[in-house]
PDB file of all heavy atoms in Angstrom:
ATOM      1  N   LEU A   1      13.310   3.383   2.256  1.00  0.00           N
ATOM      2  CA  LEU A   1      12.892   2.737   3.500  1.00  0.00           C
ATOM      3  C   LEU A   1      13.811   1.573   3.861  1.00  0.00           C
ATOM      4  O   LEU A   1      14.116   1.351   5.038  1.00  0.00           O
ATOM      5  CB  LEU A   1      11.444   2.254   3.391  1.00  0.00           C
ATOM      6  CG  LEU A   1      10.389   3.333   3.135  1.00  0.00           C
ATOM      7  CD1 LEU A   1       9.004   2.712   3.083  1.00  0.00           C
ATOM      8  CD2 LEU A   1      10.450   4.428   4.179  1.00  0.00           C
ATOM      9  N   LYS A   2      14.251   0.842   2.854  1.00  0.00           N
ATOM     10  CA  LYS A   2      15.165  -0.273   3.108  1.00  0.00           C
ATOM     11  C   LYS A   2      16.531   0.223   3.598  1.00  0.00           C
ATOM     12  O   LYS A   2      17.213  -0.468   4.357  1.00  0.00           O
ATOM     13  CB  LYS A   2      15.341  -1.101   1.834  1.00  0.00           C
ATOM     14  CG  LYS A   2      14.188  -2.043   1.542  1.00  0.00           C
ATOM     15  CD  LYS A   2      14.186  -3.229   2.494  1.00  0.00           C
ATOM     16  CE  LYS A   2      13.197  -4.287   2.095  1.00  0.00           C
ATOM     17  NZ  LYS A   2      13.233  -5.478   2.988  1.00  0.00           N
ATOM     18  N   ALA A   3      16.925   1.419   3.167  1.00  0.00           N
ATOM     19  CA  ALA A   3      18.183   1.992   3.660  1.00  0.00           C
ATOM     20  C   ALA A   3      18.070   2.379   5.128  1.00  0.00           C
ATOM     21  O   ALA A   3      19.052   2.316   5.875  1.00  0.00           O
ATOM     22  CB  ALA A   3      18.555   3.209   2.817  1.00  0.00           C
ATOM     23  N   VAL A   4      16.858   2.781   5.531  1.00  0.00           N
ATOM     24  CA  VAL A   4      16.630   3.180   6.917  1.00  0.00           C
ATOM     25  C   VAL A   4      16.390   1.966   7.809  1.00  0.00           C
ATOM     26  O   VAL A   4      16.964   1.849   8.899  1.00  0.00           O
ATOM     27  CB  VAL A   4      15.422   4.139   7.001  1.00  0.00           C
ATOM     28  CG1 VAL A   4      15.064   4.443   8.449  1.00  0.00           C
ATOM     29  CG2 VAL A   4      15.725   5.432   6.258  1.00  0.00           C
ATOM     30  N   MET A   5      15.513   1.073   7.362  1.00  0.00           N
ATOM     31  CA  MET A   5      15.133  -0.126   8.129  1.00  0.00           C
ATOM     32  C   MET A   5      15.248  -1.336   7.216  1.00  0.00           C
ATOM     33  O   MET A   5      14.283  -1.744   6.571  1.00  0.00           O
ATOM     34  CB  MET A   5      13.711   0.023   8.669  1.00  0.00           C
ATOM     35  CG  MET A   5      13.527   1.174   9.628  1.00  0.00           C
ATOM     36  SD  MET A   5      14.469   1.001  11.175  1.00  0.00           S
ATOM     37  CE  MET A   5      13.491  -0.231  12.034  1.00  0.00           C
ATOM     38  N   PRO A   6      16.425  -1.924   7.112  1.00  0.00           N
ATOM     39  CA  PRO A   6      16.676  -2.952   6.093  1.00  0.00           C
ATOM     40  C   PRO A   6      15.860  -4.224   6.241  1.00  0.00           C
ATOM     41  O   PRO A   6      15.750  -4.989   5.279  1.00  0.00           O
ATOM     42  CB  PRO A   6      18.173  -3.230   6.243  1.00  0.00           C
ATOM     43  CG  PRO A   6      18.538  -2.736   7.603  1.00  0.00           C
ATOM     44  CD  PRO A   6      17.639  -1.583   7.875  1.00  0.00           C
ATOM     45  N   TYR A   7      15.275  -4.462   7.406  1.00  0.00           N
ATOM     46  CA  TYR A   7      14.574  -5.729   7.621  1.00  0.00           C
ATOM     47  C   TYR A   7      13.061  -5.609   7.504  1.00  0.00           C
ATOM     48  O   TYR A   7      12.344  -6.575   7.733  1.00  0.00           O
ATOM     49  CB  TYR A   7      14.973  -6.295   8.987  1.00  0.00           C
ATOM     50  CG  TYR A   7      16.472  -6.367   9.145  1.00  0.00           C
ATOM     51  CD1 TYR A   7      17.146  -5.473   9.987  1.00  0.00           C
ATOM     52  CD2 TYR A   7      17.233  -7.279   8.412  1.00  0.00           C
ATOM     53  CE1 TYR A   7      18.527  -5.510  10.109  1.00  0.00           C
ATOM     54  CE2 TYR A   7      18.612  -7.319   8.533  1.00  0.00           C
ATOM     55  CZ  TYR A   7      19.254  -6.431   9.379  1.00  0.00           C
ATOM     56  OH  TYR A   7      20.628  -6.454   9.484  1.00  0.00           O
ATOM     57  N   ILE A   8      12.569  -4.447   7.142  1.00  0.00           N
ATOM     58  CA  ILE A   8      11.141  -4.251   6.982  1.00  0.00           C
ATOM     59  C   ILE A   8      10.637  -5.013   5.755  1.00  0.00           C
ATOM     60  O   ILE A   8      11.346  -5.162   4.763  1.00  0.00           O
ATOM     61  CB  ILE A   8      10.807  -2.749   6.856  1.00  0.00           C
ATOM     62  CG1 ILE A   8       9.300  -2.514   6.920  1.00  0.00           C
ATOM     63  CG2 ILE A   8      11.395  -2.163   5.574  1.00  0.00           C
ATOM     64  CD1 ILE A   8       8.918  -1.048   6.994  1.00  0.00           C
ATOM     65  N   ASN A   9       9.420  -5.528   5.847  1.00  0.00           N
ATOM     66  CA  ASN A   9       8.786  -6.201   4.711  1.00  0.00           C
ATOM     67  C   ASN A   9       7.967  -5.167   3.939  1.00  0.00           C
ATOM     68  O   ASN A   9       7.074  -4.528   4.510  1.00  0.00           O
ATOM     69  CB  ASN A   9       7.873  -7.323   5.217  1.00  0.00           C
ATOM     70  CG  ASN A   9       7.182  -8.051   4.087  1.00  0.00           C
ATOM     71  OD1 ASN A   9       7.715  -8.174   2.989  1.00  0.00           O
ATOM     72  ND2 ASN A   9       5.976  -8.533   4.347  1.00  0.00           N
ATOM     73  N   ILE A  10       8.284  -4.971   2.682  1.00  0.00           N
ATOM     74  CA  ILE A  10       7.606  -3.966   1.865  1.00  0.00           C
ATOM     75  C   ILE A  10       6.995  -4.625   0.644  1.00  0.00           C
ATOM     76  O   ILE A  10       7.659  -5.347  -0.099  1.00  0.00           O
ATOM     77  CB  ILE A  10       8.580  -2.857   1.418  1.00  0.00           C
ATOM     78  CG1 ILE A  10       9.108  -2.098   2.639  1.00  0.00           C
ATOM     79  CG2 ILE A  10       7.885  -1.884   0.460  1.00  0.00           C
ATOM     80  CD1 ILE A  10      10.136  -1.044   2.307  1.00  0.00           C
ATOM     81  N   ARG A  11       5.709  -4.370   0.449  1.00  0.00           N
ATOM     82  CA  ARG A  11       5.015  -4.822  -0.760  1.00  0.00           C
ATOM     83  C   ARG A  11       4.665  -3.576  -1.580  1.00  0.00           C
ATOM     84  O   ARG A  11       4.101  -2.620  -1.036  1.00  0.00           O
ATOM     85  CB  ARG A  11       3.731  -5.572  -0.423  1.00  0.00           C
ATOM     86  CG  ARG A  11       3.908  -6.759   0.494  1.00  0.00           C
ATOM     87  CD  ARG A  11       2.567  -7.443   0.688  1.00  0.00           C
ATOM     88  NE  ARG A  11       2.486  -8.141   1.950  1.00  0.00           N
ATOM     89  CZ  ARG A  11       1.354  -8.609   2.464  1.00  0.00           C
ATOM     90  NH1 ARG A  11       0.216  -8.436   1.808  1.00  0.00           N
ATOM     91  NH2 ARG A  11       1.363  -9.228   3.637  1.00  0.00           N
ATOM     92  N   THR A  12       4.981  -3.579  -2.835  1.00  0.00           N
ATOM     93  CA  THR A  12       4.689  -2.419  -3.682  1.00  0.00           C
ATOM     94  C   THR A  12       3.687  -2.796  -4.767  1.00  0.00           C
ATOM     95  O   THR A  12       3.716  -3.909  -5.303  1.00  0.00           O
ATOM     96  CB  THR A  12       5.959  -1.866  -4.336  1.00  0.00           C
ATOM     97  OG1 THR A  12       6.572  -2.883  -5.140  1.00  0.00           O
ATOM     98  CG2 THR A  12       6.952  -1.397  -3.281  1.00  0.00           C
ATOM     99  N   HIS A  13       2.820  -1.836  -5.072  1.00  0.00           N
ATOM    100  CA  HIS A  13       1.856  -1.988  -6.161  1.00  0.00           C
ATOM    101  C   HIS A  13       1.896  -0.698  -6.979  1.00  0.00           C
ATOM    102  O   HIS A  13       1.433   0.349  -6.515  1.00  0.00           O
ATOM    103  CB  HIS A  13       0.451  -2.230  -5.623  1.00  0.00           C
ATOM    104  CG  HIS A  13       0.324  -3.472  -4.800  1.00  0.00           C
ATOM    105  ND1 HIS A  13       0.238  -4.738  -5.360  1.00  0.00           N
ATOM    106  CD2 HIS A  13       0.276  -3.655  -3.454  1.00  0.00           C
ATOM    107  CE1 HIS A  13       0.138  -5.633  -4.407  1.00  0.00           C
ATOM    108  NE2 HIS A  13       0.161  -5.008  -3.237  1.00  0.00           N
ATOM    109  N   THR A  14       2.459  -0.775  -8.159  1.00  0.00           N
ATOM    110  CA  THR A  14       2.569   0.397  -9.022  1.00  0.00           C
ATOM    111  C   THR A  14       1.329   0.457  -9.910  1.00  0.00           C
ATOM    112  O   THR A  14       1.366   0.157 -11.114  1.00  0.00           O
ATOM    113  CB  THR A  14       3.865   0.340  -9.847  1.00  0.00           C
ATOM    114  OG1 THR A  14       4.975   0.093  -8.965  1.00  0.00           O
ATOM    115  CG2 THR A  14       4.112   1.659 -10.577  1.00  0.00           C
ATOM    116  N   VAL A  15       0.224   0.820  -9.273  1.00  0.00           N
ATOM    117  CA  VAL A  15      -1.070   0.852  -9.954  1.00  0.00           C
ATOM    118  C   VAL A  15      -1.884   2.029  -9.406  1.00  0.00           C
ATOM    119  O   VAL A  15      -1.592   2.570  -8.338  1.00  0.00           O
ATOM    120  CB  VAL A  15      -1.864  -0.455  -9.734  1.00  0.00           C
ATOM    121  CG1 VAL A  15      -1.139  -1.642 -10.341  1.00  0.00           C
ATOM    122  CG2 VAL A  15      -2.145  -0.687  -8.254  1.00  0.00           C
ATOM    123  N   LYS A  16      -2.911   2.379 -10.121  1.00  0.00           N
ATOM    124  CA  LYS A  16      -3.875   3.362  -9.654  1.00  0.00           C
ATOM    125  C   LYS A  16      -4.970   2.625  -8.898  1.00  0.00           C
ATOM    126  O   LYS A  16      -5.508   1.628  -9.392  1.00  0.00           O
ATOM    127  CB  LYS A  16      -4.479   4.136 -10.826  1.00  0.00           C
ATOM    128  CG  LYS A  16      -5.420   5.268 -10.414  1.00  0.00           C
ATOM    129  CD  LYS A  16      -5.922   6.014 -11.639  1.00  0.00           C
ATOM    130  CE  LYS A  16      -6.876   7.138 -11.268  1.00  0.00           C
ATOM    131  NZ  LYS A  16      -6.201   8.210 -10.494  1.00  0.00           N
ATOM    132  N   ILE A  17      -5.287   3.085  -7.699  1.00  0.00           N
ATOM    133  CA  ILE A  17      -6.335   2.448  -6.913  1.00  0.00           C
ATOM    134  C   ILE A  17      -7.695   2.815  -7.492  1.00  0.00           C
ATOM    135  O   ILE A  17      -8.002   3.985  -7.716  1.00  0.00           O
ATOM    136  CB  ILE A  17      -6.250   2.874  -5.435  1.00  0.00           C
ATOM    137  CG1 ILE A  17      -4.925   2.403  -4.821  1.00  0.00           C
ATOM    138  CG2 ILE A  17      -7.421   2.317  -4.641  1.00  0.00           C
ATOM    139  CD1 ILE A  17      -4.737   2.813  -3.381  1.00  0.00           C
ATOM    140  N   THR A  18      -8.511   1.790  -7.716  1.00  0.00           N
ATOM    141  CA  THR A  18      -9.856   1.980  -8.237  1.00  0.00           C
ATOM    142  C   THR A  18     -10.838   1.159  -7.403  1.00  0.00           C
ATOM    143  O   THR A  18     -10.436   0.338  -6.564  1.00  0.00           O
ATOM    144  CB  THR A  18      -9.955   1.526  -9.703  1.00  0.00           C
ATOM    145  OG1 THR A  18      -9.791   0.094  -9.759  1.00  0.00           O
ATOM    146  CG2 THR A  18      -8.888   2.194 -10.563  1.00  0.00           C
ATOM    147  N   LYS A  19     -12.105   1.348  -7.663  1.00  0.00           N
ATOM    148  CA  LYS A  19     -13.122   0.556  -6.971  1.00  0.00           C
ATOM    149  C   LYS A  19     -12.925  -0.932  -7.218  1.00  0.00           C
ATOM    150  O   LYS A  19     -13.239  -1.764  -6.362  1.00  0.00           O
ATOM    151  CB  LYS A  19     -14.521   0.974  -7.437  1.00  0.00           C
ATOM    152  CG  LYS A  19     -14.941   2.369  -7.008  1.00  0.00           C
ATOM    153  CD  LYS A  19     -16.353   2.671  -7.500  1.00  0.00           C
ATOM    154  CE  LYS A  19     -16.797   4.058  -7.062  1.00  0.00           C
ATOM    155  NZ  LYS A  19     -18.186   4.362  -7.506  1.00  0.00           N
ATOM    156  N   ASP A  20     -12.368  -1.269  -8.365  1.00  0.00           N
ATOM    157  CA  ASP A  20     -12.238  -2.673  -8.751  1.00  0.00           C
ATOM    158  C   ASP A  20     -11.091  -3.404  -8.058  1.00  0.00           C
ATOM    159  O   ASP A  20     -11.121  -4.632  -7.963  1.00  0.00           O
ATOM    160  CB  ASP A  20     -12.065  -2.793 -10.266  1.00  0.00           C
ATOM    161  CG  ASP A  20     -13.287  -2.317 -11.036  1.00  0.00           C
ATOM    162  OD1 ASP A  20     -14.410  -2.444 -10.496  1.00  0.00           O
ATOM    163  OD2 ASP A  20     -13.116  -1.793 -12.151  1.00  0.00           O
ATOM    164  N   ASN A  21     -10.060  -2.670  -7.610  1.00  0.00           N
ATOM    165  CA  ASN A  21      -8.904  -3.376  -7.030  1.00  0.00           C
ATOM    166  C   ASN A  21      -8.675  -3.091  -5.550  1.00  0.00           C
ATOM    167  O   ASN A  21      -7.712  -3.582  -4.973  1.00  0.00           O
ATOM    168  CB  ASN A  21      -7.632  -3.067  -7.826  1.00  0.00           C
ATOM    169  CG  ASN A  21      -7.237  -1.599  -7.815  1.00  0.00           C
ATOM    170  OD1 ASN A  21      -7.709  -0.809  -6.998  1.00  0.00           O
ATOM    171  ND2 ASN A  21      -6.363  -1.211  -8.740  1.00  0.00           N
ATOM    172  N   ILE A  22      -9.548  -2.310  -4.932  1.00  0.00           N
ATOM    173  CA  ILE A  22      -9.337  -1.946  -3.534  1.00  0.00           C
ATOM    174  C   ILE A  22      -9.265  -3.158  -2.625  1.00  0.00           C
ATOM    175  O   ILE A  22      -8.350  -3.277  -1.788  1.00  0.00           O
ATOM    176  CB  ILE A  22     -10.438  -0.975  -3.057  1.00  0.00           C
ATOM    177  CG1 ILE A  22     -10.139   0.441  -3.548  1.00  0.00           C
ATOM    178  CG2 ILE A  22     -10.559  -0.977  -1.529  1.00  0.00           C
ATOM    179  CD1 ILE A  22     -11.185   1.465  -3.174  1.00  0.00           C
ATOM    180  N   GLN A  23     -10.189  -4.065  -2.760  1.00  0.00           N
ATOM    181  CA  GLN A  23     -10.200  -5.223  -1.858  1.00  0.00           C
ATOM    182  C   GLN A  23      -8.955  -6.088  -2.046  1.00  0.00           C
ATOM    183  O   GLN A  23      -8.361  -6.563  -1.074  1.00  0.00           O
ATOM    184  CB  GLN A  23     -11.464  -6.042  -2.071  1.00  0.00           C
ATOM    185  CG  GLN A  23     -12.728  -5.310  -1.634  1.00  0.00           C
ATOM    186  CD  GLN A  23     -13.938  -6.219  -1.602  1.00  0.00           C
ATOM    187  OE1 GLN A  23     -13.962  -7.204  -0.881  1.00  0.00           O
ATOM    188  NE2 GLN A  23     -14.949  -5.878  -2.396  1.00  0.00           N
ATOM    189  N   GLU A  24      -8.554  -6.277  -3.284  1.00  0.00           N
ATOM    190  CA  GLU A  24      -7.358  -7.079  -3.559  1.00  0.00           C
ATOM    191  C   GLU A  24      -6.107  -6.437  -2.972  1.00  0.00           C
ATOM    192  O   GLU A  24      -5.256  -7.118  -2.383  1.00  0.00           O
ATOM    193  CB  GLU A  24      -7.192  -7.246  -5.065  1.00  0.00           C
ATOM    194  CG  GLU A  24      -5.932  -8.007  -5.475  1.00  0.00           C
ATOM    195  CD  GLU A  24      -5.730  -8.029  -6.980  1.00  0.00           C
ATOM    196  OE1 GLU A  24      -6.603  -7.540  -7.710  1.00  0.00           O
ATOM    197  OE2 GLU A  24      -4.671  -8.522  -7.417  1.00  0.00           O
ATOM    198  N   LEU A  25      -5.989  -5.120  -3.096  1.00  0.00           N
ATOM    199  CA  LEU A  25      -4.781  -4.426  -2.650  1.00  0.00           C
ATOM    200  C   LEU A  25      -4.718  -4.265  -1.135  1.00  0.00           C
ATOM    201  O   LEU A  25      -3.622  -4.287  -0.555  1.00  0.00           O
ATOM    202  CB  LEU A  25      -4.711  -3.036  -3.301  1.00  0.00           C
ATOM    203  CG  LEU A  25      -4.532  -2.989  -4.814  1.00  0.00           C
ATOM    204  CD1 LEU A  25      -4.649  -1.552  -5.306  1.00  0.00           C
ATOM    205  CD2 LEU A  25      -3.196  -3.588  -5.228  1.00  0.00           C
ATOM    206  N   LEU A  26      -5.865  -4.103  -0.481  1.00  0.00           N
ATOM    207  CA  LEU A  26      -5.882  -3.651   0.910  1.00  0.00           C
ATOM    208  C   LEU A  26      -6.399  -4.673   1.916  1.00  0.00           C
ATOM    209  O   LEU A  26      -6.439  -4.388   3.112  1.00  0.00           O
ATOM    210  CB  LEU A  26      -6.724  -2.375   1.018  1.00  0.00           C
ATOM    211  CG  LEU A  26      -6.273  -1.208   0.130  1.00  0.00           C
ATOM    212  CD1 LEU A  26      -7.218  -0.031   0.298  1.00  0.00           C
ATOM    213  CD2 LEU A  26      -4.846  -0.803   0.463  1.00  0.00           C
ATOM    214  N   SER A  27      -6.769  -5.851   1.463  1.00  0.00           N
ATOM    215  CA  SER A  27      -7.397  -6.814   2.367  1.00  0.00           C
ATOM    216  C   SER A  27      -6.473  -7.274   3.495  1.00  0.00           C
ATOM    217  O   SER A  27      -6.949  -7.648   4.575  1.00  0.00           O
ATOM    218  CB  SER A  27      -7.899  -8.030   1.584  1.00  0.00           C
ATOM    219  OG  SER A  27      -6.831  -8.669   0.910  1.00  0.00           O
ATOM    220  N   ASP A  28      -5.158  -7.222   3.297  1.00  0.00           N
ATOM    221  CA  ASP A  28      -4.218  -7.686   4.329  1.00  0.00           C
ATOM    222  C   ASP A  28      -3.850  -6.613   5.344  1.00  0.00           C
ATOM    223  O   ASP A  28      -3.229  -6.912   6.363  1.00  0.00           O
ATOM    224  CB  ASP A  28      -2.924  -8.189   3.679  1.00  0.00           C
ATOM    225  CG  ASP A  28      -3.114  -9.497   2.939  1.00  0.00           C
ATOM    226  OD1 ASP A  28      -4.132 -10.184   3.183  1.00  0.00           O
ATOM    227  OD2 ASP A  28      -2.258  -9.826   2.098  1.00  0.00           O
ATOM    228  N   ALA A  29      -4.215  -5.371   5.088  1.00  0.00           N
ATOM    229  CA  ALA A  29      -3.779  -4.273   5.960  1.00  0.00           C
ATOM    230  C   ALA A  29      -4.617  -4.200   7.232  1.00  0.00           C
ATOM    231  O   ALA A  29      -5.836  -4.368   7.207  1.00  0.00           O
ATOM    232  CB  ALA A  29      -3.874  -2.951   5.207  1.00  0.00           C
ATOM    233  N   ASP A  30      -3.939  -3.923   8.341  1.00  0.00           N
ATOM    234  CA  ASP A  30      -4.639  -3.658   9.603  1.00  0.00           C
ATOM    235  C   ASP A  30      -5.157  -2.227   9.635  1.00  0.00           C
ATOM    236  O   ASP A  30      -6.242  -1.961  10.157  1.00  0.00           O
ATOM    237  CB  ASP A  30      -3.697  -3.893  10.788  1.00  0.00           C
ATOM    238  CG  ASP A  30      -3.180  -5.311  10.844  1.00  0.00           C
ATOM    239  OD1 ASP A  30      -4.001  -6.237  10.915  1.00  0.00           O
ATOM    240  OD2 ASP A  30      -1.947  -5.507  10.795  1.00  0.00           O
ATOM    241  N   VAL A  31      -4.358  -1.301   9.094  1.00  0.00           N
ATOM    242  CA  VAL A  31      -4.717   0.109   9.026  1.00  0.00           C
ATOM    243  C   VAL A  31      -4.396   0.608   7.622  1.00  0.00           C
ATOM    244  O   VAL A  31      -3.377   0.223   7.038  1.00  0.00           O
ATOM    245  CB  VAL A  31      -3.954   0.956  10.067  1.00  0.00           C
ATOM    246  CG1 VAL A  31      -4.429   2.412  10.028  1.00  0.00           C
ATOM    247  CG2 VAL A  31      -4.118   0.386  11.468  1.00  0.00           C
ATOM    248  N   ILE A  32      -5.253   1.467   7.087  1.00  0.00           N
ATOM    249  CA  ILE A  32      -5.069   2.021   5.751  1.00  0.00           C
ATOM    250  C   ILE A  32      -4.915   3.536   5.857  1.00  0.00           C
ATOM    251  O   ILE A  32      -5.752   4.202   6.480  1.00  0.00           O
ATOM    252  CB  ILE A  32      -6.272   1.687   4.853  1.00  0.00           C
ATOM    253  CG1 ILE A  32      -6.403   0.163   4.707  1.00  0.00           C
ATOM    254  CG2 ILE A  32      -6.137   2.355   3.491  1.00  0.00           C
ATOM    255  CD1 ILE A  32      -7.757  -0.289   4.204  1.00  0.00           C
ATOM    256  N   CYS A  33      -3.858   4.065   5.279  1.00  0.00           N
ATOM    257  CA  CYS A  33      -3.634   5.509   5.255  1.00  0.00           C
ATOM    258  C   CYS A  33      -4.046   6.063   3.901  1.00  0.00           C
ATOM    259  O   CYS A  33      -3.532   5.623   2.859  1.00  0.00           O
ATOM    260  CB  CYS A  33      -2.164   5.838   5.507  1.00  0.00           C
ATOM    261  SG  CYS A  33      -1.614   5.481   7.170  1.00  0.00           S
ATOM    262  N   GLU A  34      -4.950   7.011   3.908  1.00  0.00           N
ATOM    263  CA  GLU A  34      -5.348   7.716   2.698  1.00  0.00           C
ATOM    264  C   GLU A  34      -4.439   8.920   2.539  1.00  0.00           C
ATOM    265  O   GLU A  34      -4.367   9.771   3.419  1.00  0.00           O
ATOM    266  CB  GLU A  34      -6.821   8.134   2.804  1.00  0.00           C
ATOM    267  CG  GLU A  34      -7.331   8.945   1.634  1.00  0.00           C
ATOM    268  CD  GLU A  34      -6.957  10.413   1.737  1.00  0.00           C
ATOM    269  OE1 GLU A  34      -7.227  11.027   2.791  1.00  0.00           O
ATOM    270  OE2 GLU A  34      -6.389  10.946   0.759  1.00  0.00           O
ATOM    271  N   ALA A  35      -3.737   9.000   1.409  1.00  0.00           N
ATOM    272  CA  ALA A  35      -2.788  10.091   1.182  1.00  0.00           C
ATOM    273  C   ALA A  35      -2.874  10.584  -0.250  1.00  0.00           C
ATOM    274  O   ALA A  35      -1.859  10.848  -0.902  1.00  0.00           O
ATOM    275  CB  ALA A  35      -1.367   9.627   1.513  1.00  0.00           C
ATOM    276  N   PHE A  36      -4.092  10.718  -0.745  1.00  0.00           N
ATOM    277  CA  PHE A  36      -4.324  11.192  -2.103  1.00  0.00           C
ATOM    278  C   PHE A  36      -4.342  12.716  -2.160  1.00  0.00           C
ATOM    279  O   PHE A  36      -4.523  13.399  -1.150  1.00  0.00           O
ATOM    280  CB  PHE A  36      -5.665  10.664  -2.633  1.00  0.00           C
ATOM    281  CG  PHE A  36      -5.681   9.183  -2.914  1.00  0.00           C
ATOM    282  CD1 PHE A  36      -6.885   8.487  -2.906  1.00  0.00           C
ATOM    283  CD2 PHE A  36      -4.531   8.485  -3.191  1.00  0.00           C
ATOM    284  CE1 PHE A  36      -6.927   7.130  -3.175  1.00  0.00           C
ATOM    285  CE2 PHE A  36      -4.552   7.128  -3.458  1.00  0.00           C
ATOM    286  CZ  PHE A  36      -5.763   6.443  -3.453  1.00  0.00           C
ATOM    287  N   ASP A  37      -4.235  13.243  -3.388  1.00  0.00           N
ATOM    288  CA  ASP A  37      -4.300  14.685  -3.616  1.00  0.00           C
ATOM    289  C   ASP A  37      -5.704  15.160  -3.978  1.00  0.00           C
ATOM    290  O   ASP A  37      -6.081  16.291  -3.678  1.00  0.00           O
ATOM    291  CB  ASP A  37      -3.345  15.090  -4.750  1.00  0.00           C
ATOM    292  CG  ASP A  37      -1.890  14.844  -4.402  1.00  0.00           C
ATOM    293  OD1 ASP A  37      -1.542  14.974  -3.213  1.00  0.00           O
ATOM    294  OD2 ASP A  37      -1.108  14.520  -5.306  1.00  0.00           O
ATOM    295  N   VAL A  38      -6.468  14.307  -4.633  1.00  0.00           N
ATOM    296  CA  VAL A  38      -7.745  14.703  -5.218  1.00  0.00           C
ATOM    297  C   VAL A  38      -8.893  14.327  -4.290  1.00  0.00           C
ATOM    298  O   VAL A  38      -9.005  13.166  -3.860  1.00  0.00           O
ATOM    299  CB  VAL A  38      -7.939  14.043  -6.595  1.00  0.00           C
ATOM    300  CG1 VAL A  38      -9.270  14.466  -7.210  1.00  0.00           C
ATOM    301  CG2 VAL A  38      -6.771  14.406  -7.516  1.00  0.00           C
TER     302      VAL A  38
END
């Protein structure tokens, strides 16, 4: 993404989303995209 749009702000979280961390991970988002397999 940085190669395509070098000035974009990207935050990464290399974690599994659970009931316990959803609010911490997603509270700043205006829109949330669900893209899970299961």
